[in-house]
Amino acid sequence: MPAIAGAMAILSGAGVSWAANAYGWALAVHLLLVVLASSVAAATALLALDGKLRRELWPLLSTRAVVRTP
């Protein structure tokens, strides 16, 4: 599973990098978008493919233990 998530991160980062080069965006925007796209792709792939990770995270997310409002 980590290999698939890594491949998804690399491919999405490469695609965003190619688009950023094509449009001539500034380097800071380029890097921000590549990191963001790669992170989202890897996290999505891990959550979609790794059942154990989903089972461990679901109770945290369903009880709102991660984010508490005052």
PDB file of N, CA and C in Angstrom:
ATOM      1  N   MET A   1       0.795  -1.204   0.000  1.00  0.00           N
ATOM      2  CA  MET A   1       0.000   0.000   0.000  1.00  0.00           C
ATOM      3  C   MET A   1       0.845   1.280   0.000  1.00  0.00           C
ATOM      4  N   PRO A   2       1.912   1.337   0.794  1.00  0.00           N
ATOM      5  CA  PRO A   2       2.716   2.570   0.762  1.00  0.00           C
ATOM      6  C   PRO A   2       3.343   2.833  -0.609  1.00  0.00           C
ATOM      7  N   ALA A   3       3.679   1.771  -1.331  1.00  0.00           N
ATOM      8  CA  ALA A   3       4.265   1.961  -2.656  1.00  0.00           C
ATOM      9  C   ALA A   3       3.253   2.583  -3.614  1.00  0.00           C
ATOM     10  N   ILE A   4       2.012   2.140  -3.525  1.00  0.00           N
ATOM     11  CA  ILE A   4       0.969   2.707  -4.383  1.00  0.00           C
ATOM     12  C   ILE A   4       0.726   4.165  -4.013  1.00  0.00           C
ATOM     13  N   ALA A   5       0.674   4.451  -2.721  1.00  0.00           N
ATOM     14  CA  ALA A   5       0.474   5.837  -2.279  1.00  0.00           C
ATOM     15  C   ALA A   5       1.642   6.711  -2.727  1.00  0.00           C
ATOM     16  N   GLY A   6       2.847   6.189  -2.645  1.00  0.00           N
ATOM     17  CA  GLY A   6       4.012   6.946  -3.105  1.00  0.00           C
ATOM     18  C   GLY A   6       3.974   7.204  -4.598  1.00  0.00           C
ATOM     19  N   ALA A   7       3.571   6.196  -5.355  1.00  0.00           N
ATOM     20  CA  ALA A   7       3.458   6.365  -6.804  1.00  0.00           C
ATOM     21  C   ALA A   7       2.394   7.399  -7.151  1.00  0.00           C
ATOM     22  N   MET A   8       1.278   7.360  -6.430  1.00  0.00           N
ATOM     23  CA  MET A   8       0.225   8.358  -6.666  1.00  0.00           C
ATOM     24  C   MET A   8       0.733   9.767  -6.349  1.00  0.00           C
ATOM     25  N   ALA A   9       1.507   9.892  -5.267  1.00  0.00           N
ATOM     26  CA  ALA A   9       2.049  11.198  -4.898  1.00  0.00           C
ATOM     27  C   ALA A   9       3.016  11.702  -5.967  1.00  0.00           C
ATOM     28  N   ILE A  10       3.858  10.830  -6.468  1.00  0.00           N
ATOM     29  CA  ILE A  10       4.826  11.223  -7.495  1.00  0.00           C
ATOM     30  C   ILE A  10       4.123  11.627  -8.778  1.00  0.00           C
ATOM     31  N   LEU A  11       3.146  10.825  -9.190  1.00  0.00           N
ATOM     32  CA  LEU A  11       2.437  11.125 -10.434  1.00  0.00           C
ATOM     33  C   LEU A  11       1.633  12.421 -10.344  1.00  0.00           C
ATOM     34  N   SER A  12       0.962  12.627  -9.226  1.00  0.00           N
ATOM     35  CA  SER A  12       0.185  13.862  -9.105  1.00  0.00           C
ATOM     36  C   SER A  12       1.109  15.074  -8.996  1.00  0.00           C
ATOM     37  N   GLY A  13       2.203  14.930  -8.271  1.00  0.00           N
ATOM     38  CA  GLY A  13       3.170  16.026  -8.181  1.00  0.00           C
ATOM     39  C   GLY A  13       3.787  16.357  -9.524  1.00  0.00           C
ATOM     40  N   ALA A  14       4.084  15.322 -10.311  1.00  0.00           N
ATOM     41  CA  ALA A  14       4.649  15.550 -11.642  1.00  0.00           C
ATOM     42  C   ALA A  14       3.638  16.240 -12.556  1.00  0.00           C
ATOM     43  N   GLY A  15       2.389  15.832 -12.456  1.00  0.00           N
ATOM     44  CA  GLY A  15       1.353  16.466 -13.282  1.00  0.00           C
ATOM     45  C   GLY A  15       1.162  17.929 -12.937  1.00  0.00           C
ATOM     46  N   VAL A  16       1.130  18.231 -11.654  1.00  0.00           N
ATOM     47  CA  VAL A  16       0.971  19.628 -11.229  1.00  0.00           C
ATOM     48  C   VAL A  16       2.213  20.432 -11.600  1.00  0.00           C
ATOM     49  N   SER A  17       3.378  19.829 -11.480  1.00  0.00           N
ATOM     50  CA  SER A  17       4.614  20.518 -11.853  1.00  0.00           C
ATOM     51  C   SER A  17       4.624  20.837 -13.346  1.00  0.00           C
ATOM     52  N   TRP A  18       4.182  19.899 -14.151  1.00  0.00           N
ATOM     53  CA  TRP A  18       4.116  20.122 -15.587  1.00  0.00           C
ATOM     54  C   TRP A  18       3.157  21.275 -15.902  1.00  0.00           C
ATOM     55  N   ALA A  19       1.994  21.278 -15.238  1.00  0.00           N
ATOM     56  CA  ALA A  19       1.022  22.355 -15.468  1.00  0.00           C
ATOM     57  C   ALA A  19       1.569  23.697 -15.003  1.00  0.00           C
ATOM     58  N   ALA A  20       2.252  23.717 -13.870  1.00  0.00           N
ATOM     59  CA  ALA A  20       2.806  24.967 -13.357  1.00  0.00           C
ATOM     60  C   ALA A  20       3.875  25.508 -14.302  1.00  0.00           C
ATOM     61  N   ASN A  21       4.676  24.620 -14.868  1.00  0.00           N
ATOM     62  CA  ASN A  21       5.679  25.062 -15.848  1.00  0.00           C
ATOM     63  C   ASN A  21       5.006  25.596 -17.101  1.00  0.00           C
ATOM     64  N   ALA A  22       3.942  24.944 -17.534  1.00  0.00           N
ATOM     65  CA  ALA A  22       3.248  25.364 -18.754  1.00  0.00           C
ATOM     66  C   ALA A  22       2.628  26.749 -18.597  1.00  0.00           C
ATOM     67  N   TYR A  23       2.129  27.058 -17.407  1.00  0.00           N
ATOM     68  CA  TYR A  23       1.504  28.364 -17.171  1.00  0.00           C
ATOM     69  C   TYR A  23       2.481  29.415 -16.671  1.00  0.00           C
ATOM     70  N   GLY A  24       3.701  29.009 -16.349  1.00  0.00           N
ATOM     71  CA  GLY A  24       4.712  29.962 -15.925  1.00  0.00           C
ATOM     72  C   GLY A  24       4.480  30.549 -14.550  1.00  0.00           C
ATOM     73  N   TRP A  25       3.923  29.757 -13.646  1.00  0.00           N
ATOM     74  CA  TRP A  25       3.660  30.236 -12.292  1.00  0.00           C
ATOM     75  C   TRP A  25       4.953  30.459 -11.526  1.00  0.00           C
ATOM     76  N   ALA A  26       4.887  31.289 -10.511  1.00  0.00           N
ATOM     77  CA  ALA A  26       6.050  31.573  -9.669  1.00  0.00           C
ATOM     78  C   ALA A  26       6.488  30.297  -8.938  1.00  0.00           C
ATOM     79  N   LEU A  27       7.747  30.253  -8.575  1.00  0.00           N
ATOM     80  CA  LEU A  27       8.306  29.066  -7.935  1.00  0.00           C
ATOM     81  C   LEU A  27       7.603  28.730  -6.618  1.00  0.00           C
ATOM     82  N   ALA A  28       7.271  29.743  -5.833  1.00  0.00           N
ATOM     83  CA  ALA A  28       6.601  29.491  -4.547  1.00  0.00           C
ATOM     84  C   ALA A  28       5.237  28.851  -4.759  1.00  0.00           C
ATOM     85  N   VAL A  29       4.487  29.334  -5.723  1.00  0.00           N
ATOM     86  CA  VAL A  29       3.170  28.758  -6.038  1.00  0.00           C
ATOM     87  C   VAL A  29       3.350  27.349  -6.580  1.00  0.00           C
ATOM     88  N   HIS A  30       4.330  27.181  -7.429  1.00  0.00           N
ATOM     89  CA  HIS A  30       4.654  25.885  -8.013  1.00  0.00           C
ATOM     90  C   HIS A  30       4.907  24.851  -6.903  1.00  0.00           C
ATOM     91  N   LEU A  31       5.797  25.179  -5.984  1.00  0.00           N
ATOM     92  CA  LEU A  31       6.131  24.246  -4.904  1.00  0.00           C
ATOM     93  C   LEU A  31       4.946  23.973  -3.981  1.00  0.00           C
ATOM     94  N   LEU A  32       4.206  25.016  -3.655  1.00  0.00           N
ATOM     95  CA  LEU A  32       3.045  24.849  -2.793  1.00  0.00           C
ATOM     96  C   LEU A  32       2.030  23.896  -3.412  1.00  0.00           C
ATOM     97  N   LEU A  33       1.739  24.075  -4.685  1.00  0.00           N
ATOM     98  CA  LEU A  33       0.765  23.221  -5.353  1.00  0.00           C
ATOM     99  C   LEU A  33       1.258  21.783  -5.498  1.00  0.00           C
ATOM    100  N   VAL A  34       2.539  21.604  -5.778  1.00  0.00           N
ATOM    101  CA  VAL A  34       3.092  20.249  -5.906  1.00  0.00           C
ATOM    102  C   VAL A  34       3.010  19.521  -4.567  1.00  0.00           C
ATOM    103  N   VAL A  35       3.399  20.180  -3.490  1.00  0.00           N
ATOM    104  CA  VAL A  35       3.349  19.553  -2.161  1.00  0.00           C
ATOM    105  C   VAL A  35       1.909  19.247  -1.766  1.00  0.00           C
ATOM    106  N   LEU A  36       1.017  20.177  -2.002  1.00  0.00           N
ATOM    107  CA  LEU A  36      -0.390  19.980  -1.652  1.00  0.00           C
ATOM    108  C   LEU A  36      -1.002  18.824  -2.436  1.00  0.00           C
ATOM    109  N   ALA A  37      -0.787  18.805  -3.738  1.00  0.00           N
ATOM    110  CA  ALA A  37      -1.354  17.739  -4.574  1.00  0.00           C
ATOM    111  C   ALA A  37      -0.773  16.379  -4.211  1.00  0.00           C
ATOM    112  N   SER A  38       0.524  16.323  -3.968  1.00  0.00           N
ATOM    113  CA  SER A  38       1.157  15.060  -3.600  1.00  0.00           C
ATOM    114  C   SER A  38       0.649  14.548  -2.262  1.00  0.00           C
ATOM    115  N   SER A  39       0.507  15.434  -1.299  1.00  0.00           N
ATOM    116  CA  SER A  39       0.025  15.036   0.029  1.00  0.00           C
ATOM    117  C   SER A  39      -1.412  14.521  -0.022  1.00  0.00           C
ATOM    118  N   VAL A  40      -2.256  15.233  -0.741  1.00  0.00           N
ATOM    119  CA  VAL A  40      -3.661  14.812  -0.847  1.00  0.00           C
ATOM    120  C   VAL A  40      -3.759  13.480  -1.578  1.00  0.00           C
ATOM    121  N   ALA A  41      -2.997  13.298  -2.634  1.00  0.00           N
ATOM    122  CA  ALA A  41      -3.042  12.042  -3.388  1.00  0.00           C
ATOM    123  C   ALA A  41      -2.561  10.868  -2.533  1.00  0.00           C
ATOM    124  N   ALA A  42      -1.474  11.051  -1.798  1.00  0.00           N
ATOM    125  CA  ALA A  42      -0.963   9.964  -0.962  1.00  0.00           C
ATOM    126  C   ALA A  42      -1.928   9.629   0.166  1.00  0.00           C
ATOM    127  N   ALA A  43      -2.472  10.648   0.823  1.00  0.00           N
ATOM    128  CA  ALA A  43      -3.409  10.401   1.918  1.00  0.00           C
ATOM    129  C   ALA A  43      -4.673   9.715   1.412  1.00  0.00           C
ATOM    130  N   THR A  44      -5.176  10.146   0.267  1.00  0.00           N
ATOM    131  CA  THR A  44      -6.373   9.540  -0.301  1.00  0.00           C
ATOM    132  C   THR A  44      -6.121   8.086  -0.676  1.00  0.00           C
ATOM    133  N   ALA A  45      -4.973   7.815  -1.285  1.00  0.00           N
ATOM    134  CA  ALA A  45      -4.645   6.437  -1.664  1.00  0.00           C
ATOM    135  C   ALA A  45      -4.504   5.554  -0.430  1.00  0.00           C
ATOM    136  N   LEU A  46      -3.850   6.057   0.603  1.00  0.00           N
ATOM    137  CA  LEU A  46      -3.698   5.254   1.818  1.00  0.00           C
ATOM    138  C   LEU A  46      -5.039   4.968   2.472  1.00  0.00           C
ATOM    139  N   LEU A  47      -5.875   5.973   2.581  1.00  0.00           N
ATOM    140  CA  LEU A  47      -7.182   5.767   3.206  1.00  0.00           C
ATOM    141  C   LEU A  47      -8.073   4.862   2.372  1.00  0.00           C
ATOM    142  N   ALA A  48      -7.965   4.942   1.062  1.00  0.00           N
ATOM    143  CA  ALA A  48      -8.801   4.122   0.203  1.00  0.00           C
ATOM    144  C   ALA A  48      -8.356   2.662   0.171  1.00  0.00           C
ATOM    145  N   LEU A  49      -7.057   2.419   0.291  1.00  0.00           N
ATOM    146  CA  LEU A  49      -6.545   1.076   0.098  1.00  0.00           C
ATOM    147  C   LEU A  49      -6.178   0.341   1.380  1.00  0.00           C
ATOM    148  N   ASP A  50      -5.944   1.042   2.460  1.00  0.00           N
ATOM    149  CA  ASP A  50      -5.481   0.403   3.687  1.00  0.00           C
ATOM    150  C   ASP A  50      -6.630   0.293   4.690  1.00  0.00           C
ATOM    151  N   GLY A  51      -7.194  -0.889   4.776  1.00  0.00           N
ATOM    152  CA  GLY A  51      -8.319  -1.129   5.663  1.00  0.00           C
ATOM    153  C   GLY A  51      -7.969  -0.960   7.133  1.00  0.00           C
ATOM    154  N   LYS A  52      -6.766  -1.379   7.519  1.00  0.00           N
ATOM    155  CA  LYS A  52      -6.356  -1.255   8.922  1.00  0.00           C
ATOM    156  C   LYS A  52      -6.273   0.216   9.329  1.00  0.00           C
ATOM    157  N   LEU A  53      -5.715   1.028   8.485  1.00  0.00           N
ATOM    158  CA  LEU A  53      -5.626   2.461   8.775  1.00  0.00           C
ATOM    159  C   LEU A  53      -7.014   3.076   8.912  1.00  0.00           C
ATOM    160  N   ARG A  54      -7.919   2.700   8.002  1.00  0.00           N
ATOM    161  CA  ARG A  54      -9.295   3.201   8.087  1.00  0.00           C
ATOM    162  C   ARG A  54      -9.958   2.790   9.389  1.00  0.00           C
ATOM    163  N   ARG A  55      -9.771   1.528   9.791  1.00  0.00           N
ATOM    164  CA  ARG A  55     -10.387   1.051  11.036  1.00  0.00           C
ATOM    165  C   ARG A  55      -9.834   1.776  12.255  1.00  0.00           C
ATOM    166  N   GLU A  56      -8.562   2.156  12.221  1.00  0.00           N
ATOM    167  CA  GLU A  56      -7.967   2.867  13.360  1.00  0.00           C
ATOM    168  C   GLU A  56      -8.371   4.342  13.387  1.00  0.00           C
ATOM    169  N   LEU A  57      -8.530   4.955  12.231  1.00  0.00           N
ATOM    170  CA  LEU A  57      -8.864   6.377  12.178  1.00  0.00           C
ATOM    171  C   LEU A  57     -10.351   6.655  12.331  1.00  0.00           C
ATOM    172  N   TRP A  58     -11.204   5.720  11.928  1.00  0.00           N
ATOM    173  CA  TRP A  58     -12.641   5.971  11.949  1.00  0.00           C
ATOM    174  C   TRP A  58     -13.176   6.335  13.335  1.00  0.00           C
ATOM    175  N   PRO A  59     -12.806   5.615  14.409  1.00  0.00           N
ATOM    176  CA  PRO A  59     -13.315   6.020  15.728  1.00  0.00           C
ATOM    177  C   PRO A  59     -12.866   7.427  16.127  1.00  0.00           C
ATOM    178  N   LEU A  60     -11.667   7.804  15.760  1.00  0.00           N
ATOM    179  CA  LEU A  60     -11.194   9.155  16.082  1.00  0.00           C
ATOM    180  C   LEU A  60     -11.999  10.212  15.354  1.00  0.00           C
ATOM    181  N   LEU A  61     -12.269   9.971  14.086  1.00  0.00           N
ATOM    182  CA  LEU A  61     -13.001  10.958  13.301  1.00  0.00           C
ATOM    183  C   LEU A  61     -14.486  10.975  13.636  1.00  0.00           C
ATOM    184  N   SER A  62     -15.044   9.824  13.970  1.00  0.00           N
ATOM    185  CA  SER A  62     -16.478   9.778  14.237  1.00  0.00           C
ATOM    186  C   SER A  62     -16.833  10.354  15.604  1.00  0.00           C
ATOM    187  N   THR A  63     -15.894  10.321  16.554  1.00  0.00           N
ATOM    188  CA  THR A  63     -16.175  10.883  17.876  1.00  0.00           C
ATOM    189  C   THR A  63     -15.664  12.312  18.013  1.00  0.00           C
ATOM    190  N   ARG A  64     -15.098  12.841  16.943  1.00  0.00           N
ATOM    191  CA  ARG A  64     -14.548  14.202  16.939  1.00  0.00           C
ATOM    192  C   ARG A  64     -13.460  14.383  17.987  1.00  0.00           C
ATOM    193  N   ALA A  65     -12.701  13.316  18.237  1.00  0.00           N
ATOM    194  CA  ALA A  65     -11.622  13.392  19.207  1.00  0.00           C
ATOM    195  C   ALA A  65     -10.435  14.173  18.628  1.00  0.00           C
ATOM    196  N   VAL A  66     -10.357  14.275  17.327  1.00  0.00           N
ATOM    197  CA  VAL A  66      -9.250  14.974  16.694  1.00  0.00           C
ATOM    198  C   VAL A  66      -9.440  16.479  16.815  1.00  0.00           C
ATOM    199  N   VAL A  67     -10.657  16.951  16.556  1.00  0.00           N
ATOM    200  CA  VAL A  67     -10.947  18.379  16.580  1.00  0.00           C
ATOM    201  C   VAL A  67     -11.982  18.638  17.676  1.00  0.00           C
ATOM    202  N   ARG A  68     -11.588  19.409  18.638  1.00  0.00           N
ATOM    203  CA  ARG A  68     -12.510  19.752  19.731  1.00  0.00           C
ATOM    204  C   ARG A  68     -12.804  21.236  19.684  1.00  0.00           C
ATOM    205  N   THR A  69     -14.055  21.567  19.777  1.00  0.00           N
ATOM    206  CA  THR A  69     -14.435  22.973  19.796  1.00  0.00           C
ATOM    207  C   THR A  69     -14.632  23.421  21.231  1.00  0.00           C
ATOM    208  N   PRO A  70     -14.227  24.639  21.553  1.00  0.00           N
ATOM    209  CA  PRO A  70     -14.358  25.097  22.951  1.00  0.00           C
ATOM    210  C   PRO A  70     -15.791  25.376  23.332  1.00  0.00           C
TER     211      PRO A  70
END
